[in-house]
Amino acid sequence: MLGRESAGVPDSVAERSDLRIRTPMRPGLRSINVALAGSMIVGEAMRQIGRFTELS
């Protein structure tokens, strides 16, 4: 589940999850688009579990 750019998911939702991932932001930057942030997380997770393969 993705939360609001400014605040994340509500505390009641976060408390029920087994795992949370936060995308770090540099000071002074407002936000990353929620769809972009989600795709970054999914892409990195896929990379870590070897779901990307080289094309022959």
PDB file of N, CA and C in Angstrom:
ATOM      1  N   MET A   1       0.841  -1.151   0.000  1.00  0.00           N
ATOM      2  CA  MET A   1       0.000   0.000   0.000  1.00  0.00           C
ATOM      3  C   MET A   1       0.896   1.227   0.000  1.00  0.00           C
ATOM      4  N   LEU A   2       0.536   2.186  -0.791  1.00  0.00           N
ATOM      5  CA  LEU A   2       1.273   3.438  -0.843  1.00  0.00           C
ATOM      6  C   LEU A   2       0.463   4.511  -0.131  1.00  0.00           C
ATOM      7  N   GLY A   3       1.147   5.379   0.564  1.00  0.00           N
ATOM      8  CA  GLY A   3       0.469   6.439   1.303  1.00  0.00           C
ATOM      9  C   GLY A   3       0.572   7.782   0.609  1.00  0.00           C
ATOM     10  N   ARG A   4       0.040   8.803   1.265  1.00  0.00           N
ATOM     11  CA  ARG A   4       0.101  10.155   0.733  1.00  0.00           C
ATOM     12  C   ARG A   4       1.550  10.621   0.665  1.00  0.00           C
ATOM     13  N   GLU A   5       1.844  11.436  -0.327  1.00  0.00           N
ATOM     14  CA  GLU A   5       3.208  11.935  -0.488  1.00  0.00           C
ATOM     15  C   GLU A   5       3.682  12.691   0.749  1.00  0.00           C
ATOM     16  N   SER A   6       2.792  13.407   1.381  1.00  0.00           N
ATOM     17  CA  SER A   6       3.186  14.251   2.507  1.00  0.00           C
ATOM     18  C   SER A   6       3.232  13.519   3.847  1.00  0.00           C
ATOM     19  N   ALA A   7       2.498  12.413   3.986  1.00  0.00           N
ATOM     20  CA  ALA A   7       2.370  11.810   5.313  1.00  0.00           C
ATOM     21  C   ALA A   7       2.482  10.289   5.344  1.00  0.00           C
ATOM     22  N   GLY A   8       2.522   9.628   4.208  1.00  0.00           N
ATOM     23  CA  GLY A   8       2.550   8.168   4.206  1.00  0.00           C
ATOM     24  C   GLY A   8       1.171   7.596   4.503  1.00  0.00           C
ATOM     25  N   VAL A   9       1.136   6.327   4.917  1.00  0.00           N
ATOM     26  CA  VAL A   9      -0.148   5.702   5.248  1.00  0.00           C
ATOM     27  C   VAL A   9      -0.561   6.115   6.659  1.00  0.00           C
ATOM     28  N   PRO A  10      -1.845   6.059   6.968  1.00  0.00           N
ATOM     29  CA  PRO A  10      -2.290   6.380   8.328  1.00  0.00           C
ATOM     30  C   PRO A  10      -1.660   5.431   9.351  1.00  0.00           C
ATOM     31  N   ASP A  11      -1.457   5.900  10.570  1.00  0.00           N
ATOM     32  CA  ASP A  11      -0.849   5.077  11.630  1.00  0.00           C
ATOM     33  C   ASP A  11      -1.596   3.767  11.834  1.00  0.00           C
ATOM     34  N   SER A  12      -2.933   3.801  11.738  1.00  0.00           N
ATOM     35  CA  SER A  12      -3.723   2.583  11.950  1.00  0.00           C
ATOM     36  C   SER A  12      -3.397   1.517  10.900  1.00  0.00           C
ATOM     37  N   VAL A  13      -3.057   1.937   9.702  1.00  0.00           N
ATOM     38  CA  VAL A  13      -2.675   0.998   8.635  1.00  0.00           C
ATOM     39  C   VAL A  13      -1.248   0.517   8.869  1.00  0.00           C
ATOM     40  N   ALA A  14      -0.346   1.418   9.169  1.00  0.00           N
ATOM     41  CA  ALA A  14       1.058   1.061   9.380  1.00  0.00           C
ATOM     42  C   ALA A  14       1.224   0.073  10.526  1.00  0.00           C
ATOM     43  N   GLU A  15       0.428   0.221  11.574  1.00  0.00           N
ATOM     44  CA  GLU A  15       0.519  -0.672  12.729  1.00  0.00           C
ATOM     45  C   GLU A  15       0.150  -2.111  12.388  1.00  0.00           C
ATOM     46  N   ARG A  16      -0.638  -2.315  11.353  1.00  0.00           N
ATOM     47  CA  ARG A  16      -1.074  -3.666  10.966  1.00  0.00           C
ATOM     48  C   ARG A  16      -0.103  -4.344   9.994  1.00  0.00           C
ATOM     49  N   SER A  17       0.858  -3.623   9.493  1.00  0.00           N
ATOM     50  CA  SER A  17       1.750  -4.216   8.496  1.00  0.00           C
ATOM     51  C   SER A  17       2.958  -4.874   9.158  1.00  0.00           C
ATOM     52  N   ASP A  18       3.439  -5.938   8.526  1.00  0.00           N
ATOM     53  CA  ASP A  18       4.605  -6.661   9.023  1.00  0.00           C
ATOM     54  C   ASP A  18       5.904  -5.964   8.629  1.00  0.00           C
ATOM     55  N   LEU A  19       5.872  -5.214   7.554  1.00  0.00           N
ATOM     56  CA  LEU A  19       7.065  -4.585   7.025  1.00  0.00           C
ATOM     57  C   LEU A  19       6.709  -3.240   6.420  1.00  0.00           C
ATOM     58  N   ARG A  20       7.562  -2.263   6.630  1.00  0.00           N
ATOM     59  CA  ARG A  20       7.377  -0.947   6.019  1.00  0.00           C
ATOM     60  C   ARG A  20       8.663  -0.562   5.310  1.00  0.00           C
ATOM     61  N   ILE A  21       8.522   0.084   4.182  1.00  0.00           N
ATOM     62  CA  ILE A  21       9.671   0.589   3.436  1.00  0.00           C
ATOM     63  C   ILE A  21       9.476   2.084   3.264  1.00  0.00           C
ATOM     64  N   ARG A  22      10.511   2.820   3.600  1.00  0.00           N
ATOM     65  CA  ARG A  22      10.476   4.270   3.417  1.00  0.00           C
ATOM     66  C   ARG A  22      11.492   4.648   2.355  1.00  0.00           C
ATOM     67  N   THR A  23      11.130   5.592   1.508  1.00  0.00           N
ATOM     68  CA  THR A  23      12.047   6.108   0.505  1.00  0.00           C
ATOM     69  C   THR A  23      12.673   7.378   1.061  1.00  0.00           C
ATOM     70  N   PRO A  24      13.991   7.377   1.291  1.00  0.00           N
ATOM     71  CA  PRO A  24      14.615   8.567   1.869  1.00  0.00           C
ATOM     72  C   PRO A  24      14.577   9.743   0.905  1.00  0.00           C
ATOM     73  N   MET A  25      14.437  10.925   1.455  1.00  0.00           N
ATOM     74  CA  MET A  25      14.407  12.152   0.654  1.00  0.00           C
ATOM     75  C   MET A  25      15.508  13.091   1.134  1.00  0.00           C
ATOM     76  N   ARG A  26      16.099  13.797   0.234  1.00  0.00           N
ATOM     77  CA  ARG A  26      17.086  14.811   0.603  1.00  0.00           C
ATOM     78  C   ARG A  26      16.363  16.001   1.234  1.00  0.00           C
ATOM     79  N   PRO A  27      16.974  16.614   2.223  1.00  0.00           N
ATOM     80  CA  PRO A  27      16.360  17.804   2.826  1.00  0.00           C
ATOM     81  C   PRO A  27      16.081  18.873   1.770  1.00  0.00           C
ATOM     82  N   GLY A  28      14.939  19.506   1.877  1.00  0.00           N
ATOM     83  CA  GLY A  28      14.572  20.568   0.951  1.00  0.00           C
ATOM     84  C   GLY A  28      13.750  20.109  -0.242  1.00  0.00           C
ATOM     85  N   LEU A  29      13.735  18.797  -0.523  1.00  0.00           N
ATOM     86  CA  LEU A  29      12.905  18.296  -1.622  1.00  0.00           C
ATOM     87  C   LEU A  29      11.495  18.048  -1.109  1.00  0.00           C
ATOM     88  N   ARG A  30      10.509  18.362  -1.913  1.00  0.00           N
ATOM     89  CA  ARG A  30       9.127  18.257  -1.476  1.00  0.00           C
ATOM     90  C   ARG A  30       8.646  16.816  -1.429  1.00  0.00           C
ATOM     91  N   SER A  31       8.711  16.104  -2.556  1.00  0.00           N
ATOM     92  CA  SER A  31       8.206  14.731  -2.585  1.00  0.00           C
ATOM     93  C   SER A  31       8.580  14.061  -3.897  1.00  0.00           C
ATOM     94  N   ILE A  32       8.419  12.757  -3.912  1.00  0.00           N
ATOM     95  CA  ILE A  32       8.530  11.965  -5.140  1.00  0.00           C
ATOM     96  C   ILE A  32       7.101  11.533  -5.471  1.00  0.00           C
ATOM     97  N   ASN A  33       6.756  11.564  -6.728  1.00  0.00           N
ATOM     98  CA  ASN A  33       5.447  11.095  -7.159  1.00  0.00           C
ATOM     99  C   ASN A  33       5.198   9.697  -6.599  1.00  0.00           C
ATOM    100  N   VAL A  34       4.011   9.452  -6.076  1.00  0.00           N
ATOM    101  CA  VAL A  34       3.696   8.173  -5.436  1.00  0.00           C
ATOM    102  C   VAL A  34       3.874   7.002  -6.406  1.00  0.00           C
ATOM    103  N   ALA A  35       3.445   7.155  -7.636  1.00  0.00           N
ATOM    104  CA  ALA A  35       3.591   6.072  -8.610  1.00  0.00           C
ATOM    105  C   ALA A  35       5.069   5.784  -8.888  1.00  0.00           C
ATOM    106  N   LEU A  36       5.874   6.820  -8.984  1.00  0.00           N
ATOM    107  CA  LEU A  36       7.305   6.643  -9.210  1.00  0.00           C
ATOM    108  C   LEU A  36       7.949   5.960  -8.007  1.00  0.00           C
ATOM    109  N   ALA A  37       7.603   6.389  -6.804  1.00  0.00           N
ATOM    110  CA  ALA A  37       8.158   5.780  -5.595  1.00  0.00           C
ATOM    111  C   ALA A  37       7.803   4.297  -5.531  1.00  0.00           C
ATOM    112  N   GLY A  38       6.564   3.959  -5.829  1.00  0.00           N
ATOM    113  CA  GLY A  38       6.139   2.553  -5.821  1.00  0.00           C
ATOM    114  C   GLY A  38       6.889   1.725  -6.838  1.00  0.00           C
ATOM    115  N   SER A  39       7.081   2.283  -8.031  1.00  0.00           N
ATOM    116  CA  SER A  39       7.792   1.525  -9.071  1.00  0.00           C
ATOM    117  C   SER A  39       9.269   1.348  -8.712  1.00  0.00           C
ATOM    118  N   MET A  40       9.870   2.331  -8.037  1.00  0.00           N
ATOM    119  CA  MET A  40      11.255   2.181  -7.584  1.00  0.00           C
ATOM    120  C   MET A  40      11.368   1.033  -6.598  1.00  0.00           C
ATOM    121  N   ILE A  41      10.440   0.939  -5.673  1.00  0.00           N
ATOM    122  CA  ILE A  41      10.477  -0.107  -4.654  1.00  0.00           C
ATOM    123  C   ILE A  41      10.262  -1.482  -5.276  1.00  0.00           C
ATOM    124  N   VAL A  42       9.293  -1.599  -6.163  1.00  0.00           N
ATOM    125  CA  VAL A  42       9.037  -2.886  -6.816  1.00  0.00           C
ATOM    126  C   VAL A  42      10.238  -3.297  -7.659  1.00  0.00           C
ATOM    127  N   GLY A  43      10.815  -2.357  -8.408  1.00  0.00           N
ATOM    128  CA  GLY A  43      11.989  -2.666  -9.232  1.00  0.00           C
ATOM    129  C   GLY A  43      13.170  -3.137  -8.399  1.00  0.00           C
ATOM    130  N   GLU A  44      13.422  -2.476  -7.286  1.00  0.00           N
ATOM    131  CA  GLU A  44      14.539  -2.880  -6.423  1.00  0.00           C
ATOM    132  C   GLU A  44      14.276  -4.239  -5.789  1.00  0.00           C
ATOM    133  N   ALA A  45      13.046  -4.486  -5.380  1.00  0.00           N
ATOM    134  CA  ALA A  45      12.714  -5.794  -4.811  1.00  0.00           C
ATOM    135  C   ALA A  45      12.920  -6.896  -5.851  1.00  0.00           C
ATOM    136  N   MET A  46      12.488  -6.645  -7.080  1.00  0.00           N
ATOM    137  CA  MET A  46      12.671  -7.639  -8.139  1.00  0.00           C
ATOM    138  C   MET A  46      14.149  -7.877  -8.421  1.00  0.00           C
ATOM    139  N   ARG A  47      14.947  -6.825  -8.400  1.00  0.00           N
ATOM    140  CA  ARG A  47      16.385  -6.979  -8.612  1.00  0.00           C
ATOM    141  C   ARG A  47      17.001  -7.842  -7.524  1.00  0.00           C
ATOM    142  N   GLN A  48      16.597  -7.601  -6.291  1.00  0.00           N
ATOM    143  CA  GLN A  48      17.191  -8.331  -5.171  1.00  0.00           C
ATOM    144  C   GLN A  48      16.835  -9.811  -5.161  1.00  0.00           C
ATOM    145  N   ILE A  49      15.695 -10.173  -5.693  1.00  0.00           N
ATOM    146  CA  ILE A  49      15.319 -11.594  -5.705  1.00  0.00           C
ATOM    147  C   ILE A  49      15.604 -12.261  -7.045  1.00  0.00           C
ATOM    148  N   GLY A  50      16.306 -11.541  -7.932  1.00  0.00           N
ATOM    149  CA  GLY A  50      16.735 -12.136  -9.192  1.00  0.00           C
ATOM    150  C   GLY A  50      15.648 -12.292 -10.242  1.00  0.00           C
ATOM    151  N   ARG A  51      14.651 -11.449 -10.224  1.00  0.00           N
ATOM    152  CA  ARG A  51      13.576 -11.567 -11.210  1.00  0.00           C
ATOM    153  C   ARG A  51      13.909 -10.936 -12.544  1.00  0.00           C
ATOM    154  N   PHE A  52      14.977 -10.156 -12.618  1.00  0.00           N
ATOM    155  CA  PHE A  52      15.414  -9.606 -13.897  1.00  0.00           C
ATOM    156  C   PHE A  52      16.468 -10.539 -14.457  1.00  0.00           C
ATOM    157  N   THR A  53      16.363 -10.874 -15.722  1.00  0.00           N
ATOM    158  CA  THR A  53      17.349 -11.741 -16.351  1.00  0.00           C
ATOM    159  C   THR A  53      17.893 -11.036 -17.594  1.00  0.00           C
ATOM    160  N   GLU A  54      19.094 -11.426 -17.979  1.00  0.00           N
ATOM    161  CA  GLU A  54      19.687 -10.848 -19.177  1.00  0.00           C
ATOM    162  C   GLU A  54      19.009 -11.418 -20.415  1.00  0.00           C
ATOM    163  N   LEU A  55      18.823 -10.563 -21.400  1.00  0.00           N
ATOM    164  CA  LEU A  55      18.250 -11.012 -22.672  1.00  0.00           C
ATOM    165  C   LEU A  55      19.375 -11.543 -23.535  1.00  0.00           C
ATOM    166  N   SER A  56      19.152 -12.654 -24.213  1.00  0.00           N
ATOM    167  CA  SER A  56      20.191 -13.234 -25.071  1.00  0.00           C
ATOM    168  C   SER A  56      20.091 -12.684 -26.463  1.00  0.00           C
TER     169      SER A  56
END
